[in-house]
Amino acid sequence: MNMDTRLDCMETMEVKGKNVDYKVTNVGPVIGGEGFLFVSENTTFLLDNGFAFCAEQMVENIRKVLGDRKLDYILLTHSHYDHLSGTPYITRAYPDVKVVANDHTANVIVRDGAKKVMRRMNEAARETYDGNEYEDLTDMLRVDIVVKDDDVVDLGDFRFKVCGFPGHTKCSIGFYSEEERLLLSCETLGVYIGDDKLASQYLVGYQMSIDSIDRALALDIDRMLIPHTGLAEGERCKSLLRSSKDLAIEGAKEIVYGHREGRSDEELLAILKEKYYTSYVRSLQPEAAFDLNAGYMISMLVNELADDPNF
């Protein structure tokens, strides 16, 4: 049985929910720059929105799905450029849309240093994908509704509790609808790597990532939106989260124990690559991008755990 639930560009999944029926479409024009558009009878919202260089195409994809309907909300899971750089292109096309993010993300996007990094990373992404020249709208990034952990966001057909899931970044959040038993996840909880497994993208903290996964496991979930992938359903949601926790623990032990044994950074990178850079991931993520994130992960794990006598 094929358990890959990836939604390709403009592919739609129809959901008969507990209280509301809705459709989810990946409107991201390129792999790695996904945005998931939710459409129900009375509500439309977009979860994350990818890169700047292809954001105009995302706007066109949104228009193809919505037609004459307006876009009501944009929900942002964290402050990384590949999840929010499309925001100003979408707000220009839909001026009345409300952008929802936590206070950390709202503070990051107004910093000159952060905007400089976003511009540089978006240009690197454009070159990677052989994209066209594009208009830089970084200075138009905005957040309209600033939320914090445990706040409830009422979107109409959906009511979401904001769940802090730090670990990938300190600002990573998810959105949980108790009524729909629906979790809009983030990269702390894991990205799909094939073989029906998630791998937590824990870049800033190991224990906080484990705690975040445990928090998600405690929720009553029937559906889960996996970053860069699509919807998982039923018991598979908890199975995937457990796989993410198991891999996070295994990976941390191999890196920390390897460091204590005197393994080089190159050898530690090879360990992570063997575990996480699967054929599925290889088909979606350039090796250089994987190596960069893996380097951050190794440094974090060594700094946090190498001198911990209990680990």
Protein backbone atom coordinates (compact mmCIF):
# COMPACT_ATOMS: atom_id res chain seq x y z
CA MET A 1 0.00 0.00 0.00
CA ASN A 2 1.38 3.43 -0.96
CA MET A 3 1.38 5.53 2.19
CA ASP A 4 2.82 8.67 0.62
CA THR A 5 0.19 11.39 1.02
CA ARG A 6 2.09 14.13 -0.76
CA LEU A 7 -0.13 16.64 -2.52
CA ASP A 8 1.61 17.78 -5.70
CA CYS A 9 1.12 21.27 -7.09
CA MET A 10 -2.61 22.01 -7.65
CA GLU A 11 -3.59 18.58 -6.35
CA THR A 12 -6.63 18.68 -4.06
CA MET A 13 -7.81 16.45 -1.23
CA GLU A 14 -11.49 16.57 -0.29
CA VAL A 15 -12.30 16.06 3.38
CA LYS A 16 -15.61 15.26 5.01
CA GLY A 17 -14.96 16.75 8.42
CA LYS A 18 -16.66 16.32 11.76
CA ASN A 19 -18.61 19.58 11.45
CA VAL A 20 -17.47 21.10 8.17
CA ASP A 21 -16.45 19.72 4.78
CA TYR A 22 -13.44 21.29 3.14
CA LYS A 23 -10.87 20.96 0.38
CA VAL A 24 -7.09 21.24 0.73
CA THR A 25 -5.00 22.19 -2.30
CA ASN A 26 -1.23 22.53 -2.54
CA VAL A 27 -0.86 25.84 -4.40
CA GLY A 28 2.94 25.84 -4.13
CA PRO A 29 4.50 26.12 -7.62
CA VAL A 30 7.76 24.35 -6.69
CA ILE A 31 8.79 21.55 -4.37
CA GLY A 32 9.94 23.02 -1.07
CA GLY A 33 7.79 26.12 -1.49
CA GLU A 34 4.42 24.64 -0.65
CA GLY A 35 1.34 26.51 0.53
CA PHE A 36 -1.81 24.68 1.52
CA LEU A 37 -5.10 26.37 0.66
CA PHE A 38 -8.13 25.32 2.74
CA VAL A 39 -11.56 26.06 1.32
CA SER A 40 -14.85 25.42 3.10
CA GLU A 41 -18.33 26.85 2.58
CA ASN A 42 -17.65 30.02 4.55
CA THR A 43 -13.89 30.19 5.10
CA THR A 44 -10.71 30.24 3.04
CA PHE A 45 -7.21 30.25 4.47
CA LEU A 46 -3.66 29.53 3.38
CA LEU A 47 -1.11 27.73 5.56
CA ASP A 48 2.40 29.06 4.76
CA ASN A 49 3.34 30.29 1.30
CA GLY A 50 6.85 29.44 0.16
CA PHE A 51 9.47 31.43 -1.74
CA ALA A 52 9.40 34.96 -3.15
CA PHE A 53 10.69 34.16 -6.65
CA CYS A 54 7.65 32.04 -7.53
CA ALA A 55 5.06 33.79 -5.36
CA GLU A 56 3.25 35.35 -8.31
CA GLN A 57 2.60 31.85 -9.62
CA MET A 58 1.24 30.89 -6.19
CA VAL A 59 -1.12 33.88 -6.42
CA GLU A 60 -2.32 32.61 -9.81
CA ASN A 61 -2.80 29.13 -8.36
CA ILE A 62 -4.85 30.56 -5.50
CA ARG A 63 -7.00 32.48 -7.98
CA LYS A 64 -7.59 29.30 -10.00
CA VAL A 65 -8.93 27.59 -6.88
CA LEU A 66 -10.90 30.48 -5.37
CA GLY A 67 -12.29 32.07 -8.52
CA ASP A 68 -14.29 35.10 -7.38
CA ARG A 69 -14.01 34.22 -3.69
CA LYS A 70 -11.67 36.18 -1.43
CA LEU A 71 -8.85 34.78 0.66
CA ASP A 72 -9.71 35.32 4.31
CA TYR A 73 -6.57 34.36 6.23
CA ILE A 74 -2.91 33.39 5.95
CA LEU A 75 -1.56 31.29 8.83
CA LEU A 76 2.22 31.21 9.31
CA THR A 77 3.93 28.42 11.24
CA HIS A 78 7.32 30.13 11.69
CA SER A 79 9.68 32.82 10.45
CA HIS A 80 11.79 30.92 7.88
CA TYR A 81 11.91 32.43 4.41
CA ASP A 82 10.61 29.30 2.64
CA HIS A 83 7.38 29.49 4.65
CA LEU A 84 6.48 33.17 4.55
CA SER A 85 8.27 34.98 1.71
CA GLY A 86 5.21 34.73 -0.51
CA THR A 87 3.11 36.70 1.99
CA PRO A 88 3.47 40.23 0.51
CA TYR A 89 2.64 39.05 -3.01
CA ILE A 90 -0.54 37.44 -1.70
CA THR A 91 -1.51 40.42 0.48
CA ARG A 92 -1.04 42.67 -2.56
CA ALA A 93 -3.43 40.47 -4.53
CA TYR A 94 -5.84 40.09 -1.60
CA PRO A 95 -5.51 43.33 0.42
CA ASP A 96 -8.18 42.38 2.96
CA VAL A 97 -6.60 39.06 3.92
CA LYS A 98 -5.56 38.77 7.58
CA VAL A 99 -2.08 37.40 8.28
CA VAL A 100 -1.82 35.37 11.50
CA ALA A 101 1.52 34.64 13.20
CA ASN A 102 3.02 34.63 16.66
CA ASP A 103 4.82 37.58 18.22
CA HIS A 104 8.30 36.22 17.49
CA THR A 105 7.59 35.92 13.78
CA ALA A 106 5.98 39.36 13.76
CA ASN A 107 9.12 40.81 15.35
CA VAL A 108 11.53 38.96 13.05
CA ILE A 109 10.05 40.14 9.76
CA VAL A 110 10.56 43.83 10.56
CA ARG A 111 14.27 43.48 11.35
CA ASP A 112 16.65 44.75 8.70
CA GLY A 113 19.08 41.90 9.34
CA ALA A 114 16.37 39.27 8.98
CA LYS A 115 15.08 40.84 5.78
CA LYS A 116 18.61 40.87 4.37
CA VAL A 117 18.91 37.13 5.06
CA MET A 118 15.49 36.47 3.48
CA ARG A 119 16.52 38.33 0.33
CA ARG A 120 19.77 36.37 0.11
CA MET A 121 18.08 33.02 0.70
CA ASN A 122 15.31 33.75 -1.80
CA GLU A 123 17.87 34.68 -4.43
CA ALA A 124 19.72 31.42 -3.74
CA ALA A 125 16.43 29.53 -4.12
CA ARG A 126 15.74 31.29 -7.42
CA GLU A 127 19.14 30.24 -8.73
CA THR A 128 18.62 26.67 -7.50
CA TYR A 129 15.31 26.40 -9.34
CA ASP A 130 16.47 28.42 -12.39
CA GLY A 131 13.67 30.85 -11.65
CA ASN A 132 12.99 34.16 -13.36
CA GLU A 133 13.82 37.60 -12.03
CA TYR A 134 11.19 38.84 -9.59
CA GLU A 135 10.09 41.96 -7.76
CA ASP A 136 11.37 42.11 -4.19
CA LEU A 137 8.50 42.84 -1.79
CA THR A 138 10.28 41.87 1.43
CA ASP A 139 9.61 45.30 2.97
CA MET A 140 5.87 44.65 2.57
CA LEU A 141 5.87 41.64 4.93
CA ARG A 142 3.24 42.10 7.60
CA VAL A 143 1.36 40.35 10.40
CA ASP A 144 -2.18 41.52 11.16
CA ILE A 145 -3.16 39.19 14.00
CA VAL A 146 -0.42 38.45 16.53
CA VAL A 147 -1.05 35.31 18.57
CA LYS A 148 0.61 33.50 21.44
CA ASP A 149 0.53 29.97 22.80
CA ASP A 150 -2.97 28.75 23.74
CA ASP A 151 -4.75 31.63 21.98
CA VAL A 152 -7.84 30.64 20.01
CA VAL A 153 -8.19 31.93 16.45
CA ASP A 154 -11.75 31.95 15.11
CA LEU A 155 -11.71 31.78 11.30
CA GLY A 156 -15.43 31.13 10.90
CA ASP A 157 -15.81 27.49 9.89
CA PHE A 158 -12.64 26.66 11.85
CA ARG A 159 -11.54 27.50 15.39
CA PHE A 160 -7.87 26.83 16.02
CA LYS A 161 -5.94 26.76 19.27
CA VAL A 162 -2.39 28.04 18.81
CA CYS A 163 0.14 25.43 19.99
CA GLY A 164 3.74 26.40 20.58
CA PHE A 165 5.99 23.70 19.10
CA PRO A 166 9.53 25.10 19.50
CA GLY A 167 12.52 23.09 18.33
CA HIS A 168 12.82 23.71 14.61
CA THR A 169 12.80 27.39 15.48
CA LYS A 170 11.91 29.05 18.76
CA CYS A 171 8.88 30.55 17.03
CA SER A 172 7.45 27.34 15.51
CA ILE A 173 3.72 26.91 16.10
CA GLY A 174 0.89 24.68 14.98
CA PHE A 175 -2.86 25.19 14.85
CA TYR A 176 -5.23 22.65 16.42
CA SER A 177 -8.98 22.38 15.88
CA GLU A 178 -10.53 20.29 18.64
CA GLU A 179 -13.88 20.30 16.85
CA GLU A 180 -12.38 18.91 13.65
CA ARG A 181 -9.62 16.93 15.38
CA LEU A 182 -7.31 18.58 12.87
CA LEU A 183 -3.70 19.57 13.52
CA LEU A 184 -1.86 21.92 11.19
CA SER A 185 1.64 20.79 12.02
CA CYS A 186 5.09 22.37 11.71
CA GLU A 187 8.60 21.13 11.03
CA THR A 188 9.43 20.59 14.69
CA LEU A 189 6.98 17.71 14.66
CA GLY A 190 8.52 16.30 11.52
CA VAL A 191 8.67 16.30 7.74
CA TYR A 192 7.93 13.21 5.69
CA ILE A 193 11.00 11.19 4.66
CA GLY A 194 9.35 8.14 3.11
CA ASP A 195 8.76 4.67 4.52
CA ASP A 196 5.85 6.16 6.51
CA LYS A 197 8.16 8.13 8.83
CA LEU A 198 8.54 11.71 9.93
CA ALA A 199 11.83 13.32 10.92
CA SER A 200 11.82 16.24 13.32
CA GLN A 201 13.76 19.21 11.94
CA TYR A 202 15.15 20.16 15.34
CA LEU A 203 17.59 23.00 14.76
CA VAL A 204 17.47 25.07 17.95
CA GLY A 205 16.71 22.59 20.72
CA TYR A 206 16.57 18.85 21.29
CA GLN A 207 14.57 18.55 24.51
CA MET A 208 12.15 21.28 23.48
CA SER A 209 11.53 19.31 20.27
CA ILE A 210 10.81 16.10 22.18
CA ASP A 211 8.47 18.05 24.46
CA SER A 212 6.71 19.51 21.41
CA ILE A 213 6.17 16.09 19.87
CA ASP A 214 4.82 14.82 23.19
CA ARG A 215 2.41 17.75 23.28
CA ALA A 216 1.15 16.85 19.83
CA LEU A 217 0.83 13.18 20.77
CA ALA A 218 -1.45 14.19 23.66
CA LEU A 219 -3.92 15.84 21.28
CA ASP A 220 -6.99 14.07 19.91
CA ILE A 221 -6.06 14.02 16.21
CA ASP A 222 -7.89 12.48 13.28
CA ARG A 223 -6.14 14.51 10.56
CA MET A 224 -2.74 16.20 10.40
CA LEU A 225 -1.32 18.53 7.77
CA ILE A 226 2.36 17.61 7.38
CA PRO A 227 4.65 20.47 6.26
CA HIS A 228 5.71 20.27 2.59
CA THR A 229 3.59 17.14 2.13
CA GLY A 230 -0.16 17.01 2.74
CA LEU A 231 -2.77 15.41 4.96
CA ALA A 232 -2.41 12.24 7.00
CA GLU A 233 -5.54 10.64 8.44
CA GLY A 234 -6.67 8.36 11.23
CA GLU A 235 -4.31 6.32 13.37
CA ARG A 236 -1.52 7.14 10.97
CA CYS A 237 -1.23 10.62 12.51
CA LYS A 238 -0.07 9.31 15.87
CA SER A 239 2.06 6.63 14.23
CA LEU A 240 3.90 9.27 12.23
CA LEU A 241 4.44 11.45 15.31
CA ARG A 242 5.81 8.47 17.24
CA SER A 243 8.19 7.75 14.37
CA SER A 244 9.40 11.36 14.55
CA LYS A 245 10.10 11.08 18.27
CA ASP A 246 11.88 7.74 17.87
CA LEU A 247 14.09 9.06 15.07
CA ALA A 248 14.85 12.24 17.02
CA ILE A 249 16.03 10.23 20.01
CA GLU A 250 18.00 7.75 17.89
CA GLY A 251 19.64 10.50 15.88
CA ALA A 252 20.61 12.47 18.97
CA LYS A 253 22.20 9.43 20.59
CA GLU A 254 24.21 8.54 17.49
CA ILE A 255 25.50 12.11 17.10
CA VAL A 256 26.30 12.72 20.76
CA TYR A 257 27.88 9.31 21.33
CA GLY A 258 29.82 9.69 18.09
CA HIS A 259 31.08 13.09 19.21
CA ARG A 260 32.19 11.64 22.55
CA GLU A 261 34.10 8.95 20.65
CA GLY A 262 35.96 11.63 18.73
CA ARG A 263 34.18 11.31 15.39
CA SER A 264 34.83 14.19 12.97
CA ASP A 265 32.13 16.57 11.77
CA GLU A 266 32.23 14.83 8.39
CA GLU A 267 31.64 11.46 10.05
CA LEU A 268 28.78 12.86 12.11
CA LEU A 269 27.22 14.34 8.98
CA ALA A 270 27.46 10.93 7.31
CA ILE A 271 25.57 9.41 10.25
CA LEU A 272 22.71 11.89 9.85
CA LYS A 273 22.71 11.49 6.10
CA GLU A 274 22.40 7.72 6.39
CA LYS A 275 19.43 8.10 8.73
CA TYR A 276 17.56 11.06 7.25
CA TYR A 277 18.63 11.65 3.65
CA THR A 278 16.48 8.88 2.25
CA SER A 279 15.79 8.31 -1.43
CA TYR A 280 12.45 10.08 -0.89
CA VAL A 281 14.14 13.16 0.61
CA ARG A 282 16.85 13.06 -2.04
CA SER A 283 14.19 13.41 -4.72
CA LEU A 284 12.84 16.57 -3.07
CA GLN A 285 15.75 18.36 -1.35
CA PRO A 286 19.16 19.31 -2.79
CA GLU A 287 22.04 17.69 -0.94
CA ALA A 288 23.63 21.07 -0.15
CA ALA A 289 20.45 22.21 1.60
CA PHE A 290 20.32 18.99 3.62
CA ASP A 291 23.98 19.34 4.62
CA LEU A 292 23.44 22.92 5.78
CA ASN A 293 20.54 22.00 8.06
CA ALA A 294 22.32 18.87 9.28
CA GLY A 295 25.29 20.99 10.29
CA TYR A 296 23.05 23.17 12.46
CA MET A 297 21.50 20.05 13.97
CA ILE A 298 24.87 18.49 14.83
CA SER A 299 26.12 21.68 16.46
CA MET A 300 22.93 22.04 18.51
CA LEU A 301 22.99 18.43 19.70
CA VAL A 302 26.63 18.59 20.74
CA ASN A 303 26.19 21.89 22.56
CA GLU A 304 23.05 20.79 24.38
CA LEU A 305 23.82 17.16 25.20
CA ALA A 306 27.52 16.31 24.96
CA ASP A 307 28.27 17.31 28.56
CA ASP A 308 24.99 16.01 30.01
CA PRO A 309 25.91 13.05 32.24
CA ASN A 310 22.32 11.80 32.10
CA PHE A 311 22.29 11.47 28.32
